[in-house]
């Protein structure tokens, strides 16, 4: 219920172009590296990507921490280590001359681990969005791709 309410608020604020979305307080060592590649199908439309970040407690309740706008192709942020985090990726498409817009999203739980980094590829091309997350010891390491775990399955972590 709370999550749906947060979605509604986020969606409304994004559509209104309001800057009242809480900016993520990036206070930790940079351990997540995001490459975003968003292209609209037309010069008359645009795509914006963002991530809502939530802490998740041992009772699977999430607490909204803030939002990161993926304005650059490469972004670096810090997440708390040894913490269950819910990452909710949003792709907002809108037309310049049309009053229509839409939001697509994909969320997952991750448990950040000390000594690891996370590489994220978030893309939107041809009306298809995709997100992949890799957990690695170092940037050059192969690492492992993380499966997407919905919030209601947080007891798995």
N, C-alpha and C. Protein backbone atom coordinates (compact mmCIF):
# COMPACT_ATOMS: atom_id res chain seq x y z
N UNK A 1 0.81 -1.18 0.00
CA UNK A 1 0.00 0.00 0.00
C UNK A 1 0.86 1.26 0.00
N UNK A 2 1.85 1.29 0.91
CA UNK A 2 2.75 2.45 0.98
C UNK A 2 3.51 2.59 -0.33
N UNK A 3 3.95 1.46 -0.88
CA UNK A 3 4.71 1.48 -2.13
C UNK A 3 3.87 2.07 -3.26
N UNK A 4 2.61 1.67 -3.35
CA UNK A 4 1.73 2.22 -4.40
C UNK A 4 1.55 3.72 -4.20
N UNK A 5 1.44 4.14 -2.96
CA UNK A 5 1.31 5.57 -2.65
C UNK A 5 2.57 6.31 -3.10
N UNK A 6 3.75 5.74 -2.81
CA UNK A 6 5.01 6.37 -3.24
C UNK A 6 5.10 6.43 -4.76
N UNK A 7 4.66 5.37 -5.43
CA UNK A 7 4.65 5.39 -6.90
C UNK A 7 3.79 6.54 -7.41
N UNK A 8 2.61 6.67 -6.83
CA UNK A 8 1.69 7.71 -7.27
C UNK A 8 2.30 9.09 -7.06
N UNK A 9 2.89 9.30 -5.90
CA UNK A 9 3.52 10.60 -5.63
C UNK A 9 4.68 10.84 -6.59
N UNK A 10 5.55 9.84 -6.76
CA UNK A 10 6.70 9.99 -7.67
C UNK A 10 6.23 10.30 -9.08
N UNK A 11 5.24 9.55 -9.54
CA UNK A 11 4.73 9.73 -10.89
C UNK A 11 4.15 11.14 -11.06
N UNK A 12 3.38 11.60 -10.09
CA UNK A 12 2.78 12.93 -10.16
C UNK A 12 3.84 14.01 -10.17
N UNK A 13 4.83 13.88 -9.31
CA UNK A 13 5.89 14.89 -9.25
C UNK A 13 6.70 14.92 -10.54
N UNK A 14 6.99 13.76 -11.09
CA UNK A 14 7.76 13.70 -12.34
C UNK A 14 6.97 14.36 -13.47
N UNK A 15 5.69 14.04 -13.55
CA UNK A 15 4.86 14.61 -14.62
C UNK A 15 4.76 16.12 -14.49
N UNK A 16 4.72 16.62 -13.30
CA UNK A 16 4.60 18.05 -13.09
C UNK A 16 5.92 18.78 -13.22
N UNK A 17 7.01 18.05 -13.38
CA UNK A 17 8.30 18.69 -13.52
C UNK A 17 8.76 19.30 -12.21
N UNK A 18 8.19 18.86 -11.14
CA UNK A 18 8.50 19.44 -9.83
C UNK A 18 9.82 18.89 -9.32
N UNK A 19 10.56 19.73 -8.63
CA UNK A 19 11.84 19.31 -8.09
C UNK A 19 11.72 18.88 -6.64
N UNK A 20 10.51 18.56 -6.19
CA UNK A 20 10.29 18.19 -4.79
C UNK A 20 10.66 16.75 -4.48
N UNK A 21 11.10 16.00 -5.46
CA UNK A 21 11.55 14.64 -5.20
C UNK A 21 12.78 14.73 -4.32
N UNK A 22 12.82 13.90 -3.31
CA UNK A 22 13.93 13.92 -2.37
C UNK A 22 15.19 13.37 -3.04
N UNK A 23 16.22 14.18 -3.08
CA UNK A 23 17.49 13.76 -3.66
C UNK A 23 18.16 12.76 -2.72
N UNK A 24 18.68 11.69 -3.28
CA UNK A 24 19.35 10.67 -2.49
C UNK A 24 20.56 11.27 -1.78
N UNK A 25 20.67 11.10 -0.46
CA UNK A 25 21.82 11.64 0.29
C UNK A 25 23.03 10.72 0.12
N UNK A 26 23.82 11.00 -0.85
CA UNK A 26 24.93 10.13 -1.26
C UNK A 26 26.10 10.30 -0.28
N UNK A 27 25.98 9.67 0.89
CA UNK A 27 26.94 9.85 1.97
C UNK A 27 27.95 8.72 2.13
N UNK A 28 27.83 7.66 1.37
CA UNK A 28 28.69 6.50 1.56
C UNK A 28 29.70 6.40 0.43
N UNK A 29 30.72 5.55 0.64
CA UNK A 29 31.75 5.34 -0.39
C UNK A 29 31.08 4.84 -1.66
N UNK A 30 31.55 5.31 -2.79
CA UNK A 30 30.96 4.95 -4.08
C UNK A 30 31.16 3.45 -4.34
N UNK A 31 30.06 2.72 -4.37
CA UNK A 31 30.13 1.28 -4.62
C UNK A 31 29.14 0.80 -5.67
N UNK A 32 28.40 1.74 -6.28
CA UNK A 32 27.51 1.36 -7.38
C UNK A 32 27.78 2.29 -8.55
N UNK A 33 28.04 1.69 -9.69
CA UNK A 33 28.40 2.43 -10.90
C UNK A 33 27.33 2.13 -11.95
N UNK A 34 26.69 3.18 -12.43
CA UNK A 34 25.54 3.03 -13.32
C UNK A 34 25.86 3.62 -14.68
N UNK A 35 25.63 2.82 -15.69
CA UNK A 35 25.72 3.30 -17.07
C UNK A 35 24.29 3.33 -17.60
N UNK A 36 23.84 4.51 -17.98
CA UNK A 36 22.49 4.63 -18.51
C UNK A 36 22.56 4.96 -20.00
N UNK A 37 21.71 4.31 -20.74
CA UNK A 37 21.64 4.51 -22.18
C UNK A 37 20.17 4.61 -22.55
N UNK A 38 19.68 5.83 -22.63
CA UNK A 38 18.26 6.03 -22.92
C UNK A 38 18.13 6.82 -24.21
N UNK A 39 17.42 6.24 -25.13
CA UNK A 39 17.18 6.88 -26.42
C UNK A 39 15.70 6.79 -26.75
N UNK A 40 15.14 7.92 -27.15
CA UNK A 40 13.73 7.90 -27.54
C UNK A 40 13.64 7.47 -29.00
N UNK A 41 12.44 7.09 -29.37
CA UNK A 41 12.21 6.64 -30.75
C UNK A 41 12.10 7.79 -31.74
N UNK A 42 12.00 9.01 -31.23
CA UNK A 42 11.75 10.16 -32.09
C UNK A 42 12.46 11.38 -31.53
N UNK A 43 12.78 12.32 -32.42
CA UNK A 43 13.36 13.58 -31.96
C UNK A 43 12.31 14.43 -31.25
N UNK A 44 11.06 14.05 -31.37
CA UNK A 44 9.96 14.78 -30.74
C UNK A 44 9.58 14.22 -29.37
N UNK A 45 10.39 13.32 -28.84
CA UNK A 45 10.10 12.77 -27.52
C UNK A 45 11.39 12.64 -26.73
N UNK A 46 11.24 12.42 -25.44
CA UNK A 46 12.42 12.28 -24.59
C UNK A 46 12.21 11.13 -23.60
N UNK A 47 13.33 10.64 -23.06
CA UNK A 47 13.31 9.59 -22.05
C UNK A 47 14.19 10.04 -20.91
N UNK A 48 13.67 9.95 -19.70
CA UNK A 48 14.45 10.27 -18.51
C UNK A 48 14.45 9.04 -17.62
N UNK A 49 15.61 8.76 -17.02
CA UNK A 49 15.73 7.60 -16.14
C UNK A 49 16.08 8.07 -14.73
N UNK A 50 15.59 7.33 -13.75
CA UNK A 50 15.90 7.62 -12.35
C UNK A 50 15.82 6.34 -11.54
N UNK A 51 16.39 6.40 -10.34
CA UNK A 51 16.32 5.27 -9.40
C UNK A 51 15.81 5.80 -8.06
N UNK A 52 14.76 5.18 -7.55
CA UNK A 52 14.31 5.43 -6.19
C UNK A 52 15.01 4.40 -5.32
N UNK A 53 15.58 4.86 -4.20
CA UNK A 53 16.35 3.97 -3.33
C UNK A 53 15.66 3.88 -1.97
N UNK A 54 15.47 2.64 -1.50
CA UNK A 54 14.80 2.37 -0.24
C UNK A 54 15.68 1.47 0.63
N UNK A 55 15.73 1.75 1.93
CA UNK A 55 16.26 0.80 2.90
C UNK A 55 15.14 -0.17 3.21
N UNK A 56 15.50 -1.44 3.45
CA UNK A 56 14.50 -2.46 3.78
C UNK A 56 14.89 -3.08 5.12
N UNK A 57 13.96 -3.10 6.07
CA UNK A 57 14.29 -3.66 7.39
C UNK A 57 14.03 -5.16 7.42
N UNK A 58 14.29 -5.78 8.59
CA UNK A 58 14.16 -7.23 8.70
C UNK A 58 12.71 -7.70 8.65
N UNK A 59 11.75 -6.79 8.68
CA UNK A 59 10.34 -7.14 8.53
C UNK A 59 9.84 -6.86 7.11
N UNK A 60 10.78 -6.63 6.20
CA UNK A 60 10.47 -6.39 4.79
C UNK A 60 9.70 -5.08 4.57
N UNK A 61 9.90 -4.12 5.43
CA UNK A 61 9.28 -2.81 5.25
C UNK A 61 10.32 -1.86 4.68
N UNK A 62 9.91 -1.15 3.65
CA UNK A 62 10.85 -0.25 2.99
C UNK A 62 10.68 1.17 3.49
N UNK A 63 11.81 1.88 3.49
CA UNK A 63 11.81 3.30 3.86
C UNK A 63 12.48 4.05 2.72
N UNK A 64 11.75 4.97 2.14
CA UNK A 64 12.25 5.76 1.02
C UNK A 64 13.40 6.64 1.50
N UNK A 65 14.54 6.53 0.81
CA UNK A 65 15.73 7.32 1.17
C UNK A 65 15.90 8.50 0.21
N UNK A 66 15.70 8.25 -1.08
CA UNK A 66 15.84 9.33 -2.04
C UNK A 66 15.88 8.81 -3.46
N UNK A 67 16.00 9.75 -4.39
CA UNK A 67 16.00 9.44 -5.82
C UNK A 67 17.27 9.97 -6.47
N UNK A 68 17.79 9.18 -7.39
CA UNK A 68 18.95 9.59 -8.20
C UNK A 68 18.46 9.73 -9.64
N UNK A 69 18.63 10.93 -10.20
CA UNK A 69 18.30 11.16 -11.60
C UNK A 69 19.50 10.72 -12.43
N UNK A 70 19.28 9.88 -13.41
CA UNK A 70 20.37 9.39 -14.26
C UNK A 70 20.50 10.31 -15.47
N UNK A 71 21.06 11.48 -15.24
CA UNK A 71 21.19 12.48 -16.29
C UNK A 71 22.42 12.24 -17.15
N UNK A 72 23.44 11.69 -16.57
CA UNK A 72 24.69 11.44 -17.30
C UNK A 72 24.74 10.00 -17.74
N UNK A 73 25.57 9.72 -18.70
CA UNK A 73 25.73 8.33 -19.13
C UNK A 73 26.31 7.47 -18.02
N UNK A 74 27.16 8.08 -17.17
CA UNK A 74 27.77 7.34 -16.07
C UNK A 74 27.50 8.06 -14.76
N UNK A 75 27.01 7.30 -13.79
CA UNK A 75 26.74 7.84 -12.47
C UNK A 75 27.40 6.94 -11.43
N UNK A 76 27.83 7.54 -10.34
CA UNK A 76 28.42 6.80 -9.23
C UNK A 76 27.68 7.22 -7.97
N UNK A 77 27.25 6.23 -7.20
CA UNK A 77 26.62 6.54 -5.93
C UNK A 77 27.12 5.56 -4.87
N UNK A 78 26.87 5.87 -3.64
CA UNK A 78 27.26 5.01 -2.54
C UNK A 78 26.03 4.45 -1.84
N UNK A 79 26.05 3.15 -1.62
CA UNK A 79 25.00 2.49 -0.85
C UNK A 79 25.61 1.95 0.44
N UNK A 80 24.80 1.87 1.49
CA UNK A 80 25.28 1.28 2.74
C UNK A 80 25.67 -0.17 2.50
N UNK A 81 26.77 -0.60 3.11
CA UNK A 81 27.18 -1.99 3.01
C UNK A 81 26.44 -2.85 4.03
N UNK A 82 26.30 -4.13 3.68
CA UNK A 82 25.64 -5.12 4.54
C UNK A 82 24.22 -4.68 4.90
N UNK A 83 23.53 -4.19 3.90
CA UNK A 83 22.17 -3.67 4.07
C UNK A 83 21.32 -4.18 2.92
N UNK A 84 20.07 -4.49 3.20
CA UNK A 84 19.14 -4.82 2.12
C UNK A 84 18.58 -3.51 1.59
N UNK A 85 18.72 -3.34 0.29
CA UNK A 85 18.31 -2.12 -0.40
C UNK A 85 17.32 -2.51 -1.51
N UNK A 86 16.32 -1.68 -1.69
CA UNK A 86 15.41 -1.86 -2.82
C UNK A 86 15.70 -0.75 -3.82
N UNK A 87 16.05 -1.13 -5.04
CA UNK A 87 16.31 -0.18 -6.13
C UNK A 87 15.13 -0.23 -7.08
N UNK A 88 14.51 0.90 -7.30
CA UNK A 88 13.35 0.97 -8.18
C UNK A 88 13.67 1.89 -9.35
N UNK A 89 13.92 1.30 -10.50
CA UNK A 89 14.32 2.02 -11.71
C UNK A 89 13.08 2.51 -12.44
N UNK A 90 13.10 3.78 -12.89
CA UNK A 90 11.98 4.37 -13.62
C UNK A 90 12.47 4.96 -14.94
N UNK A 91 11.66 4.77 -15.97
CA UNK A 91 11.93 5.36 -17.28
C UNK A 91 10.69 6.16 -17.67
N UNK A 92 10.84 7.47 -17.74
CA UNK A 92 9.74 8.37 -18.07
C UNK A 92 9.89 8.80 -19.52
N UNK A 93 8.89 8.49 -20.33
CA UNK A 93 8.90 8.93 -21.73
C UNK A 93 7.82 9.99 -21.91
N UNK A 94 8.16 11.02 -22.67
CA UNK A 94 7.18 12.07 -22.93
C UNK A 94 7.43 12.68 -24.30
N UNK A 95 6.36 13.17 -24.90
CA UNK A 95 6.46 13.83 -26.19
C UNK A 95 6.49 15.34 -26.02
N UNK A 96 7.18 16.02 -26.92
CA UNK A 96 7.29 17.47 -26.83
C UNK A 96 5.98 18.17 -27.18
N UNK A 97 5.26 17.66 -28.16
CA UNK A 97 4.02 18.31 -28.58
C UNK A 97 2.77 17.57 -28.12
N UNK A 98 2.97 16.43 -27.50
CA UNK A 98 1.83 15.66 -27.02
C UNK A 98 1.73 15.81 -25.50
N UNK A 99 0.54 15.69 -25.01
CA UNK A 99 0.36 15.81 -23.56
C UNK A 99 0.49 14.45 -22.88
N UNK A 100 0.90 13.44 -23.63
CA UNK A 100 0.98 12.11 -23.05
C UNK A 100 2.39 11.82 -22.56
N UNK A 101 2.44 11.02 -21.54
CA UNK A 101 3.71 10.52 -21.03
C UNK A 101 3.43 9.21 -20.34
N UNK A 102 4.47 8.42 -20.16
CA UNK A 102 4.30 7.15 -19.47
C UNK A 102 5.54 6.84 -18.65
N UNK A 103 5.32 6.07 -17.60
CA UNK A 103 6.42 5.65 -16.74
C UNK A 103 6.46 4.13 -16.75
N UNK A 104 7.63 3.59 -17.01
CA UNK A 104 7.85 2.16 -16.90
C UNK A 104 8.86 1.96 -15.79
N UNK A 105 8.76 0.86 -15.10
CA UNK A 105 9.69 0.67 -14.00
C UNK A 105 10.02 -0.79 -13.74
N UNK A 106 11.09 -0.95 -13.01
CA UNK A 106 11.56 -2.28 -12.65
C UNK A 106 12.29 -2.14 -11.32
N UNK A 107 11.93 -2.97 -10.35
CA UNK A 107 12.55 -2.88 -9.05
C UNK A 107 13.15 -4.20 -8.62
N UNK A 108 14.15 -4.10 -7.75
CA UNK A 108 14.78 -5.30 -7.22
C UNK A 108 15.39 -5.04 -5.85
N UNK A 109 15.46 -6.09 -5.07
CA UNK A 109 16.18 -6.07 -3.81
C UNK A 109 17.61 -6.50 -4.05
N UNK A 110 18.55 -5.86 -3.37
CA UNK A 110 19.92 -6.36 -3.35
C UNK A 110 20.43 -6.26 -1.92
N UNK A 111 21.31 -7.14 -1.56
CA UNK A 111 21.99 -7.05 -0.26
C UNK A 111 23.42 -6.66 -0.56
N UNK A 112 23.75 -5.43 -0.25
CA UNK A 112 25.10 -4.94 -0.53
C UNK A 112 26.07 -5.62 0.44
N UNK A 113 27.25 -5.94 -0.08
CA UNK A 113 28.25 -6.62 0.74
C UNK A 113 29.52 -5.80 0.77
N UNK A 114 30.13 -5.77 1.92
CA UNK A 114 31.39 -5.07 2.11
C UNK A 114 32.45 -5.68 1.18
N UNK A 115 33.23 -4.84 0.51
CA UNK A 115 34.28 -5.32 -0.37
C UNK A 115 33.83 -5.60 -1.80
N UNK A 116 32.57 -5.33 -2.11
CA UNK A 116 32.05 -5.55 -3.45
C UNK A 116 31.59 -4.22 -4.05
N UNK A 117 31.59 -4.18 -5.36
CA UNK A 117 31.00 -3.06 -6.08
C UNK A 117 29.87 -3.61 -6.95
N UNK A 118 29.03 -2.72 -7.40
CA UNK A 118 27.87 -3.10 -8.20
C UNK A 118 27.85 -2.27 -9.47
N UNK A 119 27.82 -2.96 -10.59
CA UNK A 119 27.75 -2.27 -11.88
C UNK A 119 26.36 -2.50 -12.46
N UNK A 120 25.75 -1.39 -12.87
CA UNK A 120 24.37 -1.42 -13.36
C UNK A 120 24.36 -0.88 -14.79
N UNK A 121 23.64 -1.57 -15.65
CA UNK A 121 23.39 -1.09 -17.00
C UNK A 121 21.88 -0.90 -17.11
N UNK A 122 21.47 0.36 -17.30
CA UNK A 122 20.05 0.69 -17.43
C UNK A 122 19.85 1.28 -18.82
N UNK A 123 19.02 0.63 -19.62
CA UNK A 123 18.83 1.12 -20.98
C UNK A 123 17.35 1.18 -21.35
N UNK A 124 17.07 2.09 -22.27
CA UNK A 124 15.74 2.23 -22.84
C UNK A 124 15.92 2.55 -24.32
N UNK A 125 15.57 1.57 -25.15
CA UNK A 125 15.70 1.75 -26.61
C UNK A 125 14.51 1.07 -27.28
N UNK A 126 13.94 1.75 -28.23
CA UNK A 126 12.85 1.16 -29.00
C UNK A 126 11.69 0.71 -28.14
N UNK A 127 11.31 1.52 -27.15
CA UNK A 127 10.22 1.22 -26.22
C UNK A 127 10.46 -0.01 -25.35
N UNK A 128 11.70 -0.43 -25.23
CA UNK A 128 12.04 -1.57 -24.38
C UNK A 128 13.06 -1.11 -23.35
N UNK A 129 12.77 -1.36 -22.09
CA UNK A 129 13.73 -1.01 -21.05
C UNK A 129 14.36 -2.29 -20.50
N UNK A 130 15.58 -2.15 -20.03
CA UNK A 130 16.32 -3.29 -19.50
C UNK A 130 17.26 -2.79 -18.42
N UNK A 131 17.39 -3.57 -17.37
CA UNK A 131 18.33 -3.26 -16.29
C UNK A 131 19.03 -4.54 -15.92
N UNK A 132 20.35 -4.47 -15.82
CA UNK A 132 21.12 -5.61 -15.31
C UNK A 132 22.07 -5.09 -14.24
N UNK A 133 22.29 -5.92 -13.21
CA UNK A 133 23.14 -5.55 -12.09
C UNK A 133 24.16 -6.65 -11.88
N UNK A 134 25.42 -6.26 -11.80
CA UNK A 134 26.52 -7.19 -11.59
C UNK A 134 27.21 -6.88 -10.27
N UNK A 135 27.47 -7.92 -9.50
CA UNK A 135 28.23 -7.78 -8.25
C UNK A 135 29.65 -8.26 -8.53
N UNK A 136 30.64 -7.40 -8.19
CA UNK A 136 32.02 -7.70 -8.53
C UNK A 136 32.94 -7.32 -7.38
N UNK A 137 34.11 -7.96 -7.34
CA UNK A 137 35.14 -7.58 -6.36
C UNK A 137 35.85 -6.30 -6.81
N UNK A 138 36.12 -6.19 -8.11
CA UNK A 138 36.77 -5.01 -8.69
C UNK A 138 36.10 -4.71 -10.02
N UNK A 139 36.36 -3.52 -10.55
CA UNK A 139 35.73 -3.13 -11.82
C UNK A 139 36.06 -4.08 -12.97
N UNK A 140 37.28 -4.56 -13.03
CA UNK A 140 37.67 -5.42 -14.14
C UNK A 140 37.26 -6.87 -13.99
N UNK A 141 36.82 -7.26 -12.81
CA UNK A 141 36.46 -8.67 -12.55
C UNK A 141 35.17 -9.04 -13.28
N UNK A 142 35.02 -10.34 -13.52
CA UNK A 142 33.82 -10.82 -14.20
C UNK A 142 32.59 -10.67 -13.31
N UNK A 143 32.68 -11.12 -12.08
CA UNK A 143 31.56 -10.99 -11.15
C UNK A 143 30.41 -11.91 -11.49
N UNK A 144 29.28 -11.63 -10.87
CA UNK A 144 28.07 -12.42 -11.13
C UNK A 144 26.88 -11.50 -11.33
N UNK A 145 26.02 -11.87 -12.26
CA UNK A 145 24.83 -11.07 -12.49
C UNK A 145 23.80 -11.41 -11.41
N UNK A 146 23.23 -10.39 -10.82
CA UNK A 146 22.24 -10.60 -9.78
C UNK A 146 20.87 -10.80 -10.39
N UNK A 147 20.12 -11.73 -9.81
CA UNK A 147 18.75 -11.91 -10.25
C UNK A 147 17.88 -10.82 -9.63
N UNK A 148 16.79 -10.51 -10.29
CA UNK A 148 15.88 -9.50 -9.77
C UNK A 148 14.94 -10.17 -8.77
N UNK A 149 14.90 -9.60 -7.57
CA UNK A 149 14.09 -10.15 -6.49
C UNK A 149 13.05 -9.11 -6.11
N UNK A 150 11.76 -9.43 -6.27
CA UNK A 150 10.73 -8.46 -5.92
C UNK A 150 10.68 -8.22 -4.41
N UNK A 151 10.15 -7.09 -4.02
CA UNK A 151 10.10 -6.69 -2.62
C UNK A 151 9.40 -7.73 -1.75
N UNK A 152 8.33 -8.33 -2.24
CA UNK A 152 7.58 -9.28 -1.43
C UNK A 152 8.36 -10.57 -1.14
N UNK A 153 9.52 -10.74 -1.77
CA UNK A 153 10.36 -11.92 -1.52
C UNK A 153 11.60 -11.57 -0.70
N UNK A 154 11.52 -10.53 0.09
CA UNK A 154 12.71 -10.06 0.80
C UNK A 154 13.24 -11.06 1.82
N UNK A 155 12.44 -11.99 2.27
CA UNK A 155 12.91 -12.99 3.22
C UNK A 155 13.96 -13.91 2.60
N UNK A 156 14.05 -13.92 1.27
CA UNK A 156 15.10 -14.72 0.59
C UNK A 156 16.48 -14.20 0.89
N UNK A 157 16.58 -12.90 1.20
CA UNK A 157 17.88 -12.31 1.50
C UNK A 157 18.11 -12.37 2.98
